[in-house]
Each structure stands twice: as C-alpha cells, then as structure tokens.
Amino acid sequence: MSTATIASRDVPQNGIAGFKHLRQDILSGIVVSLVSLPLSSGIAIASGVPPIYGLISAIIAGLIFPFIGGAYMTIAGPAAGLAPALLAIMIALGGAGDSDHVGPGYQYLIVVIFMVGIVQIILSLAKLARFAAIIPVSVVEGMLASIGLLIIVKQLPMFFGFTGKVHAHEFFAFVADSPIYARGMTVPVFAVSAATLALLLVLGSLKSLKWLKIVPPQLIAVIVGVGLGYMFSLGSLGSGFLISLPKDPFHGMHTPDFGALFARQDLWYAAILGVITLTMIDGVESLATAMAIDRIDPFHRKSDANRVLLGMGICNIASSLVGGLTIIPGGVKSKANIASGGRTLWANFTNAICLILYLLVGRDLINMIPKGVLASVLIYTGWKMCEPLVWKHMAHIGKEQLGIFSLTVLATLLTDLLWGIAIGVVAKYALNMILYRYAIAVAVPSAQQPSLWRSMLDFFRNPVLRRELKGDEFHLYLDKPLVCFNSMQLSRELDEVPAEAKSVFVHLDCLVGLIDHTSHENLMHVAKEFSHNQVPVTIIGLDRMRGLSEYHACTHVATPALAAA
C-alpha cells in the first residue's frame, strides 16, 4: 500500500519524469562529484589498485544505475566498506597492487566481481533481496565497525609516508607494525596528513554549521591538503607521494581473464569464497545503505530492494568488463546528495559526467592530491564507522545488542568479514532462542508452550496467523516470535494492506513472546511510512511486553501480564 500511495503523491520520480528537477540534480551532482573524486580515488588505493580504477567504477555506476532505478537518492560507486574484502581476495588470488601498480591477483579479482554481478542479478530476479534483512542490525553495525578499524590500520603506511615494504595483511599485524611505520615516516608527508585529519575531525564535530552539510568536510580537507602538499613540495620528494593518473585514463584498462582463472585450479577455492564474501557483504551493505538513505529522504520515498540489487548486479558486470571495482550505494556521497538538494538519480548521472570531465581536462590538478590526504580521508571515514559513539549507541539499544556487536567485531578482526558475519548471526540466533524460551516459560501456560523444535522453526516462519479487513480497518494477528529471521515476511504482509484501509492494527498474542531489536526497528520504520500516508499503525500487546532497555525500538520479551490479556 505504501508504495502505491507514495507514487500517487507529487514527489520527484526517476526517469523522464525527473527531468523537471534537473536543475537541482545537476547542482547536487556537481557537489557529489567533488566528494566522489577523492573518495573513489582513496577507496581504490585502499583496495590495492591505482586511483583511476576507483574513478572508472564511479563513472560506470553513475552512467548505468539511474537508468535501472530502485532507489531515489543513493549515489552508487566504489565503497570503503568493500575495500578490505577486495584487498584480501586479491591477495588470496595471487597478490595485490598499490597506488601505482596493479597486482597479479587483479585480473582474477575482476572475474570474481563479474560473477558477483551475475549472482546478484539472479537473486534480484528471484525476489530474494529481502533475505538480506535477516542479518541482525547489531551484526551489520559490527561488520561496519570492523571494516572501519581495518580501513584505519591499513592506511597507516600511506598516512605516515612510509616508503619501506609493508608485510602486514591482517588487522593485528598492521597494529603490531605501526611503530615501524611511525619510525620510518617522511616528515613533510606526515605533517600534511596529520593536519588534514585534524581538520576533518574538527569540521566533523561542528554539526551546527549548516553550510558543512552542503560542502562536506572531505572536500574542504582535500582542498586544504592540496595546498599544504604544494607548500611542503611533496611532489619534489621523488617517492610518489602524490597520486598519478594516466594521460589517457580510458586506455589500457584490464578486462576479466576467465580462461586464466579457469586454468588455475589452485585458485578456484579462493575465487568461490571471494564470490560468496562479496555477494554477502555487497548485498547487506547495499540494502542497509539504501534503507538508511530512505529514512532521511525528505520526500519519504521507499527503495525497491530487488531493483537496487539488480542495478548493483548490472553495474558490477559492466565495471568488471572495464577493470573496475565492485559497486554499491555509498552513504557519504548519498548524504551529500540529500544535503545539496538532489531530487532523483539524475544527480548520480551528473556525478559521472563531472568525473569524466575532470579526467579529461583536470588531470594535472587531480595529480596534485597527496596520497597522505586520501589516507586521512579514509581514516576519517573508518573512524566514523567505529567511533566510540557507535559503541555507546549499541549499548543504549541494549546490553545484549552491544554483546553481539562486540562479538562480530572481534570475530571479524580475528578471521575475516564472512566468518565475522556468520558468527554474529549464529550468536544472535542463540541469544534470541534463549530469550524466547525464557519468555514463554514465564508468560505462557505449560499446555500452550511450543516445543523447542517448533520454536526453532517459528523463527523462520511467517509470524502472521491471520488477517482481516473490518470496514476500513485492517487487522494482522501474530502468533509467533517476531525476529530478524522472519520480520521480512511481516513486511511483505504490510505491503499487501488493501488500499481501502484507513488504519492498521497489529495484534500480538501470548505466543509472540519476543520482538528483537532488528524486527522492532523495521516495524517502527514501516509504521512511520504508513503515517506519512495518513494511515496510522497501532500495535496491540506491545505495551504488555518488557523492554530490555530504554531505547524506543529495543528488544521486548513477554511478561506474565501478556498471557493474562
């Protein structure tokens, strides 16, 4: 219902209908491109390839995604969240490169990216994008925080201007070697990097300044960093401390070598694991970012998860064919789009056109950007993903959420992103099962209590027992726990609310027992969407459940009072 109702309102739409907002989208796209230029370059370097590959990826995304749609304000392109995974996969496939050279594993990596695109298209056509919602919020946040930590430590050599050989590949190895990078620093490079990072931290803390929402701190920091690099004559130090784009940026790009990878049976396992890892992380982060941007969209539009996944799949195939990186929606660039007044995906298209122009006519200016400044931008980006405020927020949601979050971070840093997510999800399932069995033990009569086996299955079943329309009131009756693993089915039920309904009532009976944080957050978001369409959603029975914290969407468990109601 919400999608149809929103479509009927006078809100900006993609496609030809969006041309009437082209002035706003062009202006916003220009601002986004100025953020995308250094960020995409830095992400490429963090991924183990020269900066031109990140810019090419951003261009491909901007030229293709607006014609596929699925979202309205998200800016697609290479994302910092995938850089550690890309680097690790490339190392496993034969070796990573650096800011000046492509490593031997890159020709195989782009084959993996091509295969990821194929898998994403299949998943989207099978309408399976919503399965990304089964990843608990605390696990997603833990994944992002661990990625932030990985980004920070892996930028340290470039941040210090370290010219020696970097032997570390894992998080703790980088931490252990950080004194080596500090002792081997190039002082002018470190001075520029440190000044840029300090400026970013200061600007990022000045949230009351409205102009900083339009002109992002990253753009200001890069401009200042270029000036400082010129003052300190970093270009004359002779050790490649400035980025270097090729004279012909669109010539000589790598293409996937399917035959070479097929012939290397010793790399098949690493390639398959890479496809699984990138598909998982790409899907989860893409849809999580799209949902997050939806929540701050001033027009309250809702992304189509399957369409977004289809767009990312097509973009990844196209990017791999020209040697580009994986493509997903980016939070920083999307927020810059909203702050700059963008209305539709034509802002993403404008971003791509601007990047092409920069490469054609502004190469000499771009080559003045110090690599240490890009490292500072990425360190700042990583810091925002794992700063103490993130941990404090998780603790505010609930101690149990902080525990799952922390476990996911630790597991990821000790193993890898795929295992970190898996361990976090299993831990969340176990925690939910413990909370649910305890809740029904105290709130449900013994004769009505489900068996352990049924409880385990109920976590994946549709929680809706029945539905009915009474006049202009639509009622949903739930008789199973509402958790992250089955909340997508409730969302599907709410999507089918009849158009004639003027209000919605969600009834929780005694067997619901548990509403975890992820499903509660999703339910509150859906209720907010309905409220924008003047259709109130009332949850009956929630007030008779006990919250595990003061957070408005915290985990709730049944109490004896619920059974008596």
Foldseek 3Di string as FASTA:
>chain_A
DLQVLLVPDPAADADPSNVVVVVLLLQLLVLLLLLQQLQLQLLQQLLQEASLQQLLLLLLLLAFDSVLFLFFQFFKGDELLCSLLNNVLLVLQAHGHGNVDGGPSLLVSLVLLLVLLVVLQVCLVVVNLLQLLLQFPLLLLLSLLLSLLVLLLSLLLLLQVAQDDDDDSANVSSVVCNVVSNVRGDVLSNVLLVVLLVQLVVLVVPVVDLVCLQNPSLSVSQVVSLVSCVVSVVVPPPRLQFRAADLPSQPDFHAHDVVVVVVPPVCPVSSVVSSVLCSSSQSNVQVVLSVVLLVVQPSNHHGRSSSQSNSQSVSSNVSSRRSHDRMGGYNVSSSNSVSSRHRGSVSSNSSSVVSVVCSNPVNVVNRSGGSSSSSSVSSSVSCVSNPVVSLVVQVQLHPVSSVLSVQLSVQCSVPHSVRSSVVSSVSVLVVQLVQQVVQCVAAPPPVPDDDSVVLSVLLQDAQWPDWDCDQQEIETEGQAAAHSNHLVNVVVVVVPPDPSHQEYEYEYASNNFKHALSSLVVVVSVQVSVVVSNYHYHYPLQVQWDFNHPDPRHMTGHHNVRNVD
